Amino acid sequence: MPVITVPEAFNEEALYVDLRWSFGYSLYLKCEGFNFAGSIKLKAATEMVDAAERDGLLRPGSIIVESSSGNLGVALSMIAASRGYRFLCVTDSRCNLATRRAIEALGNEVHIITEPSPESGFLGARIDHVRMLCASDERYVWLNQYTNPDNWGAHFHRTGPEIAAAFPNLDVLFVGAGTTGTLMGCARFFRQWHRPVRIVAIDSAGSVTFGGPAGRRMLPGLGTSVRPAILDESYVDDVVLVEEPDSVRACHRLARNGFLFGGSTGTVVSGATGWLSEHDAHHLTAVAVAPDLGERYLDTIYQTNWLQGIYGEDVLSPRTRQSV
């Protein structure tokens, strides 16, 4: 029986859903949402805060500040509350209301950016705001998930080894690309593993991460309007771009079978099943990483009026995905 004294001490790391029953391929979904932060971002948040404390960057009275589309903000907010820091999350208007309320319920503050930067979108505007805050008060400590090696280090030390232990004959791993921390950490781990593993990055159409043109993106989590500094494409074998309506349809398909996942998981599952279909990969052992669960998306992905207002009335009809 686990007994803990701090919330970050608990994280279910060995739960997988076999999607063969629904999608027809041997695809195992690693569920990362069963912790008190509700997402895989707990790992990166813990690693970055631990390192900042060891390095003396975080001290009594420090205020942690971070740009986040939501999940890292909740994880940092939880850790800040546990360790006696204040936390300020800089997000934008696409962040789910439930996420913002969770951060505030934990006693912390949210700044919402309403206007994107003409050159670098909402992400650029958020980062500009963080830099302004840090320049205004030395108590602010920016962990900077976009450049911090402890972001990908968390997954090099934990997520990659967890998958390897569960699937010693792994052939292909599908990982969503946001800051690319999970992607880079897992890819670096499997590059030095005893057998080759194909690393497939799943990104949102409209993201510039892998050099594509910028486009509208309404689902928080995956994709960027500024190329992540920690990305090294030499570790990535394939990239699949997924249109947001396909992400939504994958979420609804999973939900119809009793599994309520978030938008990033829908994107990863849609991209992974598309890749497996194109490669006729029934013989491969494949794992996909599910970053979070679906409760924070009830007012968006699982709300018909929101969906139809954003994507049109045919949002749940079949569509295609794009590989690059």
Protein backbone atom coordinates (compact mmCIF):
# COMPACT_ATOMS: atom_id res chain seq x y z
CA MET A 1 0.00 0.00 0.00
CA PRO A 2 1.64 3.30 -1.06
CA VAL A 3 1.76 5.96 1.64
CA ILE A 4 3.09 9.38 0.61
CA THR A 5 3.65 12.77 2.20
CA VAL A 6 4.14 14.87 -0.95
CA PRO A 7 1.97 14.63 -4.09
CA GLU A 8 4.85 14.21 -6.53
CA ALA A 9 5.85 10.97 -4.79
CA PHE A 10 3.08 9.01 -6.52
CA ASN A 11 2.96 8.25 -10.23
CA GLU A 12 1.56 5.15 -11.91
CA GLU A 13 4.23 4.25 -14.44
CA ALA A 14 3.31 0.74 -15.61
CA LEU A 15 -0.22 1.01 -17.00
CA TYR A 16 -0.83 0.29 -20.71
CA VAL A 17 -4.00 -0.01 -22.78
CA ASP A 18 -3.98 -2.54 -25.62
CA LEU A 19 -5.69 -0.77 -28.53
CA ARG A 20 -5.94 -3.83 -30.76
CA TRP A 21 -9.59 -4.26 -29.81
CA SER A 22 -10.47 -0.89 -31.36
CA PHE A 23 -7.83 -0.06 -33.97
CA GLY A 24 -6.75 -3.48 -35.23
CA TYR A 25 -3.03 -3.07 -34.55
CA SER A 26 -0.76 -4.25 -31.76
CA LEU A 27 -0.46 -0.77 -30.25
CA TYR A 28 0.02 -0.33 -26.52
CA LEU A 29 -0.85 3.04 -25.03
CA LYS A 30 1.30 4.06 -22.05
CA CYS A 31 -1.01 5.97 -19.71
CA GLU A 32 0.78 8.85 -17.99
CA GLY A 33 -2.19 10.63 -16.44
CA PHE A 34 -2.51 8.73 -13.18
CA ASN A 35 -0.80 11.06 -10.73
CA PHE A 36 -1.89 14.10 -8.74
CA ALA A 37 -0.85 16.46 -11.54
CA GLY A 38 -2.82 14.44 -14.07
CA SER A 39 -0.18 14.23 -16.79
CA ILE A 40 3.28 13.16 -17.90
CA LYS A 41 4.46 16.71 -17.17
CA LEU A 42 4.88 15.74 -13.51
CA LYS A 43 8.15 14.01 -14.45
CA ALA A 44 9.69 17.03 -16.16
CA ALA A 45 8.40 19.43 -13.51
CA THR A 46 9.92 17.37 -10.70
CA GLU A 47 13.26 16.97 -12.48
CA MET A 48 13.52 20.69 -13.31
CA VAL A 49 12.57 21.85 -9.80
CA ASP A 50 14.94 19.35 -8.17
CA ALA A 51 17.81 20.60 -10.37
CA ALA A 52 16.99 24.26 -9.69
CA GLU A 53 17.06 23.57 -5.96
CA ARG A 54 20.38 21.70 -6.18
CA ASP A 55 21.89 24.54 -8.21
CA GLY A 56 20.69 27.16 -5.73
CA LEU A 57 18.41 28.89 -8.23
CA LEU A 58 15.32 28.24 -6.12
CA ARG A 59 15.48 29.63 -2.61
CA PRO A 60 12.96 30.60 0.07
CA GLY A 61 10.87 33.42 -1.37
CA SER A 62 11.44 32.42 -5.00
CA ILE A 63 8.54 32.61 -7.44
CA ILE A 64 8.58 29.93 -10.13
CA VAL A 65 7.38 31.26 -13.47
CA GLU A 66 6.80 29.21 -16.61
CA SER A 67 5.10 29.44 -19.97
CA SER A 68 2.73 26.49 -20.38
CA SER A 69 -0.26 25.45 -22.44
CA GLY A 70 -1.61 23.82 -19.30
CA ASN A 71 -0.30 20.49 -18.04
CA LEU A 72 3.18 21.63 -16.98
CA GLY A 73 1.51 24.57 -15.28
CA VAL A 74 -0.60 22.23 -13.16
CA ALA A 75 2.41 20.05 -12.32
CA LEU A 76 4.56 23.01 -11.30
CA SER A 77 1.67 24.51 -9.36
CA MET A 78 1.28 21.29 -7.38
CA ILE A 79 5.00 21.02 -6.64
CA ALA A 80 5.21 24.71 -5.70
CA ALA A 81 2.35 24.25 -3.24
CA SER A 82 4.03 21.16 -1.80
CA ARG A 83 7.44 22.83 -1.36
CA GLY A 84 6.39 26.30 -0.25
CA TYR A 85 7.02 28.33 -3.41
CA ARG A 86 4.71 30.64 -5.29
CA PHE A 87 4.06 29.85 -8.95
CA LEU A 88 2.91 32.00 -11.86
CA CYS A 89 1.78 30.28 -15.05
CA VAL A 90 1.86 32.26 -18.29
CA THR A 91 -0.56 30.71 -20.75
CA ASP A 92 -2.85 31.86 -23.55
CA SER A 93 -6.52 31.84 -24.43
CA ARG A 94 -6.42 28.25 -25.73
CA CYS A 95 -5.68 26.88 -22.25
CA ASN A 96 -8.62 24.88 -20.86
CA LEU A 97 -10.68 26.58 -18.17
CA ALA A 98 -10.40 23.46 -15.98
CA THR A 99 -6.61 23.70 -16.15
CA ARG A 100 -6.59 27.36 -15.15
CA ARG A 101 -8.92 26.64 -12.25
CA ALA A 102 -6.71 23.77 -11.06
CA ILE A 103 -3.67 26.07 -10.94
CA GLU A 104 -5.63 28.69 -9.01
CA ALA A 105 -7.12 26.08 -6.66
CA LEU A 106 -3.56 25.14 -5.71
CA GLY A 107 -3.00 28.72 -4.58
CA ASN A 108 -1.14 30.03 -7.61
CA GLU A 109 -1.58 32.63 -10.33
CA VAL A 110 -2.36 32.52 -14.05
CA HIS A 111 -1.53 35.22 -16.60
CA ILE A 112 -3.44 34.78 -19.88
CA ILE A 113 -1.91 36.15 -23.09
CA THR A 114 -4.69 37.19 -25.45
CA GLU A 115 -2.72 38.45 -28.46
CA PRO A 116 -0.16 36.37 -30.36
CA SER A 117 3.17 37.75 -31.51
CA PRO A 118 3.05 38.55 -35.25
CA GLU A 119 6.29 36.61 -35.77
CA SER A 120 6.15 33.79 -33.20
CA GLY A 121 2.50 33.32 -32.29
CA PHE A 122 1.11 32.77 -28.81
CA LEU A 123 4.21 30.90 -27.66
CA GLY A 124 6.48 33.80 -28.56
CA ALA A 125 4.16 36.23 -26.80
CA ARG A 126 4.12 34.04 -23.69
CA ILE A 127 7.90 33.81 -23.60
CA ASP A 128 8.20 37.58 -24.03
CA HIS A 129 5.90 38.03 -21.04
CA VAL A 130 7.97 35.63 -18.92
CA ARG A 131 11.16 37.52 -19.79
CA MET A 132 9.50 40.79 -18.83
CA LEU A 133 8.48 39.37 -15.45
CA CYS A 134 11.99 38.05 -14.75
CA ALA A 135 13.50 41.42 -15.64
CA SER A 136 11.10 43.18 -13.29
CA ASP A 137 11.74 41.14 -10.13
CA GLU A 138 14.73 38.93 -9.23
CA ARG A 139 12.49 36.62 -7.20
CA TYR A 140 11.13 35.12 -10.44
CA VAL A 141 12.87 31.91 -11.51
CA TRP A 142 12.15 30.71 -15.04
CA LEU A 143 12.79 26.98 -15.43
CA ASN A 144 12.37 27.35 -19.23
CA GLN A 145 11.08 23.98 -20.35
CA TYR A 146 11.95 24.87 -23.97
CA THR A 147 15.72 24.86 -23.41
CA ASN A 148 16.14 23.02 -20.10
CA PRO A 149 17.97 19.68 -20.52
CA ASP A 150 16.27 18.39 -17.38
CA ASN A 151 13.02 18.43 -19.40
CA TRP A 152 14.23 15.66 -21.71
CA GLY A 153 16.44 14.22 -18.96
CA ALA A 154 13.35 13.23 -16.97
CA HIS A 155 12.25 10.96 -19.80
CA PHE A 156 15.74 9.66 -20.50
CA HIS A 157 15.96 8.55 -16.87
CA ARG A 158 12.37 7.41 -16.36
CA THR A 159 9.94 7.13 -19.30
CA GLY A 160 12.34 5.43 -21.71
CA PRO A 161 13.53 2.82 -19.19
CA GLU A 162 9.93 2.17 -18.08
CA ILE A 163 8.90 1.35 -21.65
CA ALA A 164 12.00 -0.78 -22.24
CA ALA A 165 11.32 -2.81 -19.10
CA ALA A 166 7.71 -3.46 -20.14
CA PHE A 167 8.48 -4.16 -23.82
CA PRO A 168 11.96 -5.66 -24.28
CA ASN A 169 11.09 -6.47 -27.92
CA LEU A 170 9.85 -2.99 -28.79
CA ASP A 171 10.00 -2.14 -32.52
CA VAL A 172 8.48 1.34 -32.80
CA LEU A 173 7.69 4.13 -30.34
CA PHE A 174 5.23 6.95 -31.05
CA VAL A 175 5.70 10.15 -29.05
CA GLY A 176 3.88 13.46 -29.36
CA ALA A 177 5.98 16.59 -29.95
CA GLY A 178 5.32 19.67 -27.84
CA THR A 179 8.42 21.05 -26.19
CA THR A 180 9.90 17.72 -27.44
CA GLY A 181 11.10 16.86 -23.94
CA THR A 182 9.38 13.44 -23.88
CA LEU A 183 10.39 12.80 -27.49
CA MET A 184 14.05 13.68 -27.01
CA GLY A 185 14.44 11.87 -23.71
CA CYS A 186 12.92 8.63 -24.99
CA ALA A 187 14.72 8.87 -28.33
CA ARG A 188 18.10 9.42 -26.66
CA PHE A 189 17.49 6.47 -24.34
CA PHE A 190 16.54 4.06 -27.13
CA ARG A 191 19.41 5.23 -29.35
CA GLN A 192 21.79 3.56 -26.89
CA TRP A 193 19.58 0.52 -26.20
CA HIS A 194 20.56 -3.02 -27.16
CA ARG A 195 18.23 -3.19 -30.19
CA PRO A 196 17.05 -0.63 -32.76
CA VAL A 197 13.73 1.10 -32.05
CA ARG A 198 12.07 3.29 -34.66
CA ILE A 199 11.14 6.67 -33.16
CA VAL A 200 8.11 8.31 -34.74
CA ALA A 201 7.27 11.88 -33.70
CA ILE A 202 3.61 12.86 -33.83
CA ASP A 203 2.95 16.56 -34.33
CA SER A 204 -0.08 18.75 -34.98
CA ALA A 205 -0.67 20.16 -38.43
CA GLY A 206 0.09 23.88 -38.26
CA SER A 207 3.07 23.38 -35.95
CA VAL A 208 6.47 24.70 -37.06
CA THR A 209 8.47 22.19 -34.98
CA PHE A 210 9.62 20.12 -37.95
CA GLY A 211 9.73 22.93 -40.48
CA GLY A 212 6.14 23.02 -41.68
CA PRO A 213 4.17 26.22 -42.24
CA ALA A 214 2.47 27.79 -39.25
CA GLY A 215 -1.27 27.34 -39.06
CA ARG A 216 -4.16 27.65 -36.64
CA ARG A 217 -4.04 25.23 -33.72
CA MET A 218 -6.82 25.21 -31.14
CA LEU A 219 -5.93 22.15 -29.05
CA PRO A 220 -3.32 22.78 -26.33
CA GLY A 221 -0.45 20.39 -25.75
CA LEU A 222 1.30 19.37 -28.95
CA GLY A 223 2.80 21.60 -31.62
CA THR A 224 4.64 24.90 -31.37
CA SER A 225 4.88 28.25 -33.11
CA VAL A 226 8.60 28.44 -32.20
CA ARG A 227 10.97 25.55 -32.94
CA PRO A 228 12.02 23.96 -29.60
CA ALA A 229 15.69 24.52 -28.79
CA ILE A 230 16.07 21.01 -27.32
CA LEU A 231 14.91 19.28 -30.52
CA ASP A 232 17.55 17.22 -32.33
CA GLU A 233 15.96 15.67 -35.43
CA SER A 234 18.82 13.21 -35.86
CA TYR A 235 17.14 11.12 -33.15
CA VAL A 236 13.79 11.00 -35.02
CA ASP A 237 13.11 8.44 -37.76
CA ASP A 238 9.69 9.62 -38.97
CA VAL A 239 7.33 12.53 -38.42
CA VAL A 240 3.54 12.32 -38.77
CA LEU A 241 1.41 15.46 -38.85
CA VAL A 242 -2.17 15.10 -37.64
CA GLU A 243 -5.06 17.43 -38.43
CA GLU A 244 -6.95 18.50 -35.32
CA PRO A 245 -10.29 16.99 -36.43
CA ASP A 246 -8.50 13.61 -36.63
CA SER A 247 -7.29 14.13 -33.06
CA VAL A 248 -10.85 14.84 -31.97
CA ARG A 249 -12.20 11.74 -33.74
CA ALA A 250 -9.59 9.51 -32.11
CA CYS A 251 -10.54 10.90 -28.68
CA HIS A 252 -14.21 10.20 -29.31
CA ARG A 253 -13.46 6.70 -30.58
CA LEU A 254 -11.54 5.92 -27.40
CA ALA A 255 -14.28 7.47 -25.27
CA ARG A 256 -16.94 5.29 -26.91
CA ASN A 257 -15.03 2.34 -25.51
CA GLY A 258 -14.80 3.82 -22.02
CA PHE A 259 -11.37 5.48 -22.20
CA LEU A 260 -11.46 9.25 -21.70
CA PHE A 261 -8.18 10.79 -22.90
CA GLY A 262 -6.96 14.29 -23.68
CA GLY A 263 -6.36 15.93 -27.03
CA SER A 264 -2.65 15.13 -27.20
CA THR A 265 -3.44 11.45 -26.76
CA GLY A 266 -5.97 11.64 -29.58
CA THR A 267 -3.31 13.18 -31.80
CA VAL A 268 -0.76 10.50 -30.91
CA VAL A 269 -3.22 7.63 -31.41
CA SER A 270 -4.44 9.03 -34.73
CA GLY A 271 -0.88 9.49 -35.99
CA ALA A 272 0.28 6.10 -34.72
CA THR A 273 -2.57 4.11 -36.23
CA GLY A 274 -2.14 5.97 -39.51
CA TRP A 275 1.57 5.12 -39.59
CA LEU A 276 0.92 1.47 -38.73
CA SER A 277 -1.70 1.25 -41.47
CA GLU A 278 0.58 2.80 -44.10
CA HIS A 279 3.42 0.42 -43.15
CA ASP A 280 1.15 -2.66 -42.84
CA ALA A 281 2.78 -3.15 -39.47
CA HIS A 282 0.66 -5.91 -37.91
CA HIS A 283 3.84 -7.78 -36.95
CA LEU A 284 5.48 -4.93 -35.03
CA THR A 285 5.43 -4.32 -31.29
CA ALA A 286 4.44 -0.67 -30.95
CA VAL A 287 3.97 1.67 -27.99
CA ALA A 288 2.46 5.16 -27.96
CA VAL A 289 2.69 7.62 -25.08
CA ALA A 290 -0.59 9.07 -23.76
CA PRO A 291 0.31 12.31 -21.94
CA ASP A 292 -2.91 12.88 -19.99
CA LEU A 293 -6.55 12.01 -19.39
CA GLY A 294 -9.69 13.69 -20.69
CA GLU A 295 -11.42 15.38 -17.75
CA ARG A 296 -9.84 18.78 -18.46
CA TYR A 297 -11.18 18.68 -22.02
CA LEU A 298 -14.88 18.18 -21.28
CA ASP A 299 -15.67 21.77 -22.28
CA THR A 300 -13.73 21.55 -25.55
CA ILE A 301 -12.97 18.22 -27.25
CA TYR A 302 -16.02 16.54 -25.72
CA GLN A 303 -18.39 19.49 -26.10
CA THR A 304 -20.40 19.41 -29.33
CA ASN A 305 -21.07 23.15 -29.61
CA TRP A 306 -17.39 23.99 -29.13
CA LEU A 307 -16.31 21.38 -31.68
CA GLN A 308 -18.77 22.49 -34.33
CA GLY A 309 -17.99 26.16 -33.75
CA ILE A 310 -14.28 25.52 -34.31
CA TYR A 311 -14.21 22.75 -36.92
CA GLY A 312 -17.67 22.71 -38.50
CA GLU A 313 -20.59 20.32 -38.25
CA ASP A 314 -18.79 17.47 -40.03
CA VAL A 315 -15.98 17.36 -37.47
CA LEU A 316 -16.62 13.72 -36.62
CA SER A 317 -16.60 12.51 -40.24
CA PRO A 318 -13.49 10.66 -41.55
CA ARG A 319 -10.47 12.64 -42.73
CA THR A 320 -6.86 12.01 -43.69
CA ARG A 321 -3.54 12.69 -42.01
CA GLN A 322 -0.26 13.86 -43.50
CA SER A 323 3.24 12.37 -43.23
CA VAL A 324 6.45 14.33 -43.77
